[in-house]
Amino acid sequence: QVKLVESGGGLVQPGGSLRLSCGVYGSIFSIHPMGWYRQAPGKQRELVATISSGDSRTNYAESVTGRFTISRDNAKNTVYLQMNSPKAEDTAVYYCNIPGNGQITWGLGAQVTVSS
């Protein structure tokens, strides 16, 4: 059973920073592209960042470009999301998963609240 475990959420002020972690258990992590998603209250879940499996190429939603950084550590089976200069609109539950087709069971997510 593959499990996704997000951690690192919490309260952060605008202009602060926060780093989320996603541990992947029970799968061959290194072969998978990974993505970070978020879901704000009353909104659909949206993809905010992806990172490829081979050369760690990254892509970002326009809303977070220049502020968020996705990275991965294959030795630790972990993907990270560094959040700099967060805005109130970044408040959401953040999830990791395989982007596109082939998504697996969602984890519980990490709540990120940006004060305003």
C-alpha atoms as a PDB file:
ATOM      1  CA  GLN A   1       0.000   0.000   0.000  1.00  0.00           C
ATOM      2  CA  VAL A   2       1.519   3.295  -1.120  1.00  0.00           C
ATOM      3  CA  LYS A   3       1.173   6.093   1.397  1.00  0.00           C
ATOM      4  CA  LEU A   4       1.700   9.823   1.062  1.00  0.00           C
ATOM      5  CA  VAL A   5       2.415  11.730   4.248  1.00  0.00           C
ATOM      6  CA  GLU A   6       2.528  15.514   4.171  1.00  0.00           C
ATOM      7  CA  SER A   7       4.046  17.517   6.998  1.00  0.00           C
ATOM      8  CA  GLY A   8       5.366  20.958   7.826  1.00  0.00           C
ATOM      9  CA  GLY A   9       2.173  22.965   7.645  1.00  0.00           C
ATOM     10  CA  GLY A  10       1.155  25.626  10.083  1.00  0.00           C
ATOM     11  CA  LEU A  11       0.616  29.322  10.538  1.00  0.00           C
ATOM     12  CA  VAL A  12       2.885  31.691   8.647  1.00  0.00           C
ATOM     13  CA  GLN A  13       2.871  35.450   8.248  1.00  0.00           C
ATOM     14  CA  PRO A  14       3.026  37.220   4.908  1.00  0.00           C
ATOM     15  CA  GLY A  15       6.690  37.733   4.121  1.00  0.00           C
ATOM     16  CA  GLY A  16       7.670  34.675   6.106  1.00  0.00           C
ATOM     17  CA  SER A  17       8.556  31.238   4.844  1.00  0.00           C
ATOM     18  CA  LEU A  18       7.530  27.647   5.291  1.00  0.00           C
ATOM     19  CA  ARG A  19       8.746  24.320   3.971  1.00  0.00           C
ATOM     20  CA  LEU A  20       6.416  21.404   3.386  1.00  0.00           C
ATOM     21  CA  SER A  21       7.589  17.822   3.135  1.00  0.00           C
ATOM     22  CA  CYS A  22       5.964  14.817   1.532  1.00  0.00           C
ATOM     23  CA  GLY A  23       7.211  11.358   2.383  1.00  0.00           C
ATOM     24  CA  VAL A  24       6.369   8.574  -0.049  1.00  0.00           C
ATOM     25  CA  TYR A  25       6.197   5.066   1.353  1.00  0.00           C
ATOM     26  CA  GLY A  26       5.770   1.714  -0.325  1.00  0.00           C
ATOM     27  CA  SER A  27       6.717   2.670  -3.887  1.00  0.00           C
ATOM     28  CA  ILE A  28       9.721   3.221  -6.110  1.00  0.00           C
ATOM     29  CA  PHE A  29       9.841   6.938  -5.551  1.00  0.00           C
ATOM     30  CA  SER A  30      12.712   7.729  -7.888  1.00  0.00           C
ATOM     31  CA  ILE A  31      10.791   6.754 -11.042  1.00  0.00           C
ATOM     32  CA  HIS A  32       7.804   8.993 -10.365  1.00  0.00           C
ATOM     33  CA  PRO A  33       7.293  12.606 -11.240  1.00  0.00           C
ATOM     34  CA  MET A  34       5.749  14.367  -8.273  1.00  0.00           C
ATOM     35  CA  GLY A  35       3.529  17.341  -7.747  1.00  0.00           C
ATOM     36  CA  TRP A  36       2.162  19.573  -5.055  1.00  0.00           C
ATOM     37  CA  TYR A  37      -1.523  20.405  -5.038  1.00  0.00           C
ATOM     38  CA  ARG A  38      -3.602  22.634  -2.846  1.00  0.00           C
ATOM     39  CA  GLN A  39      -7.252  23.058  -2.048  1.00  0.00           C
ATOM     40  CA  ALA A  40      -8.646  26.212  -0.518  1.00  0.00           C
ATOM     41  CA  PRO A  41     -12.056  26.309   1.170  1.00  0.00           C
ATOM     42  CA  GLY A  42     -14.805  26.176  -1.424  1.00  0.00           C
ATOM     43  CA  LYS A  43     -12.324  25.682  -4.260  1.00  0.00           C
ATOM     44  CA  GLN A  44     -11.249  22.772  -6.414  1.00  0.00           C
ATOM     45  CA  ARG A  45      -7.918  21.132  -5.842  1.00  0.00           C
ATOM     46  CA  GLU A  46      -5.301  22.713  -8.076  1.00  0.00           C
ATOM     47  CA  LEU A  47      -1.813  21.738  -9.150  1.00  0.00           C
ATOM     48  CA  VAL A  48       0.790  24.276  -8.082  1.00  0.00           C
ATOM     49  CA  ALA A  49       4.143  22.659  -8.863  1.00  0.00           C
ATOM     50  CA  THR A  50       5.674  19.561 -10.465  1.00  0.00           C
ATOM     51  CA  ILE A  51       9.094  17.993 -10.589  1.00  0.00           C
ATOM     52  CA  SER A  52      10.222  15.297 -12.997  1.00  0.00           C
ATOM     53  CA  SER A  53      11.802  12.009 -12.001  1.00  0.00           C
ATOM     54  CA  GLY A  54      14.902  11.965 -14.188  1.00  0.00           C
ATOM     55  CA  ASP A  55      16.463  15.407 -14.291  1.00  0.00           C
ATOM     56  CA  SER A  56      14.261  17.138 -11.694  1.00  0.00           C
ATOM     57  CA  ARG A  57      12.772  19.608 -14.135  1.00  0.00           C
ATOM     58  CA  THR A  58      10.237  21.844 -12.453  1.00  0.00           C
ATOM     59  CA  ASN A  59       7.076  23.638 -13.465  1.00  0.00           C
ATOM     60  CA  TYR A  60       4.924  26.042 -11.506  1.00  0.00           C
ATOM     61  CA  ALA A  61       1.513  27.573 -11.638  1.00  0.00           C
ATOM     62  CA  GLU A  62       1.670  31.257 -12.463  1.00  0.00           C
ATOM     63  CA  SER A  63       0.222  32.089  -9.081  1.00  0.00           C
ATOM     64  CA  VAL A  64       3.287  30.744  -7.259  1.00  0.00           C
ATOM     65  CA  THR A  65       6.095  31.248  -9.768  1.00  0.00           C
ATOM     66  CA  GLY A  66       9.010  33.055  -8.172  1.00  0.00           C
ATOM     67  CA  ARG A  67       7.782  32.380  -4.654  1.00  0.00           C
ATOM     68  CA  PHE A  68       7.542  28.588  -4.317  1.00  0.00           C
ATOM     69  CA  THR A  69      10.233  26.025  -5.042  1.00  0.00           C
ATOM     70  CA  ILE A  70       9.659  22.302  -5.451  1.00  0.00           C
ATOM     71  CA  SER A  71      12.532  19.893  -4.922  1.00  0.00           C
ATOM     72  CA  ARG A  72      13.084  16.218  -4.243  1.00  0.00           C
ATOM     73  CA  ASP A  73      15.501  13.956  -2.439  1.00  0.00           C
ATOM     74  CA  ASN A  74      15.303  10.493  -3.941  1.00  0.00           C
ATOM     75  CA  ALA A  75      17.510   9.022  -1.232  1.00  0.00           C
ATOM     76  CA  LYS A  76      14.920  10.089   1.335  1.00  0.00           C
ATOM     77  CA  ASN A  77      11.838   9.376  -0.802  1.00  0.00           C
ATOM     78  CA  THR A  78      10.742  12.922  -0.099  1.00  0.00           C
ATOM     79  CA  VAL A  79       9.508  15.886  -2.089  1.00  0.00           C
ATOM     80  CA  TYR A  80       9.559  19.403  -0.676  1.00  0.00           C
ATOM     81  CA  LEU A  81       7.774  22.662  -1.276  1.00  0.00           C
ATOM     82  CA  GLN A  82       9.564  25.778  -0.113  1.00  0.00           C
ATOM     83  CA  MET A  83       7.095  28.612   0.294  1.00  0.00           C
ATOM     84  CA  ASN A  84       8.547  32.097   0.379  1.00  0.00           C
ATOM     85  CA  SER A  85       6.635  35.348   0.649  1.00  0.00           C
ATOM     86  CA  PRO A  86       3.307  33.588   1.111  1.00  0.00           C
ATOM     87  CA  LYS A  87       0.106  35.488   0.561  1.00  0.00           C
ATOM     88  CA  ALA A  88      -3.294  35.139   2.161  1.00  0.00           C
ATOM     89  CA  GLU A  89      -4.513  33.517  -1.052  1.00  0.00           C
ATOM     90  CA  ASP A  90      -2.014  30.702  -0.480  1.00  0.00           C
ATOM     91  CA  THR A  91      -4.031  29.511   2.508  1.00  0.00           C
ATOM     92  CA  ALA A  92      -5.096  25.958   1.717  1.00  0.00           C
ATOM     93  CA  VAL A  93      -4.567  22.315   2.481  1.00  0.00           C
ATOM     94  CA  TYR A  94      -1.528  21.156   0.539  1.00  0.00           C
ATOM     95  CA  TYR A  95      -1.191  17.653  -0.881  1.00  0.00           C
ATOM     96  CA  CYS A  96       1.407  15.752  -2.837  1.00  0.00           C
ATOM     97  CA  ASN A  97       0.733  13.173  -5.526  1.00  0.00           C
ATOM     98  CA  ILE A  98       1.794  11.950  -8.945  1.00  0.00           C
ATOM     99  CA  PRO A  99       0.737  14.618 -11.443  1.00  0.00           C
ATOM    100  CA  GLY A 100      -1.471  13.771 -14.375  1.00  0.00           C
ATOM    101  CA  ASN A 101      -2.554  10.205 -14.872  1.00  0.00           C
ATOM    102  CA  GLY A 102      -1.762   7.554 -12.347  1.00  0.00           C
ATOM    103  CA  GLN A 103      -2.537   9.411  -9.138  1.00  0.00           C
ATOM    104  CA  ILE A 104      -2.739   7.326  -6.011  1.00  0.00           C
ATOM    105  CA  THR A 105      -4.674   7.607  -2.783  1.00  0.00           C
ATOM    106  CA  TRP A 106      -4.454  11.108  -1.356  1.00  0.00           C
ATOM    107  CA  GLY A 107      -2.808  11.713   1.969  1.00  0.00           C
ATOM    108  CA  LEU A 108      -4.300  13.822   4.730  1.00  0.00           C
ATOM    109  CA  GLY A 109      -2.585  16.971   3.512  1.00  0.00           C
ATOM    110  CA  ALA A 110      -0.916  19.779   5.400  1.00  0.00           C
ATOM    111  CA  GLN A 111      -2.848  22.861   6.433  1.00  0.00           C
ATOM    112  CA  VAL A 112      -1.122  26.129   5.611  1.00  0.00           C
ATOM    113  CA  THR A 113      -2.627  29.300   6.994  1.00  0.00           C
ATOM    114  CA  VAL A 114      -1.221  32.673   5.977  1.00  0.00           C
ATOM    115  CA  SER A 115      -2.199  35.477   8.289  1.00  0.00           C
ATOM    116  CA  SER A 116      -3.394  38.784   6.959  1.00  0.00           C
END
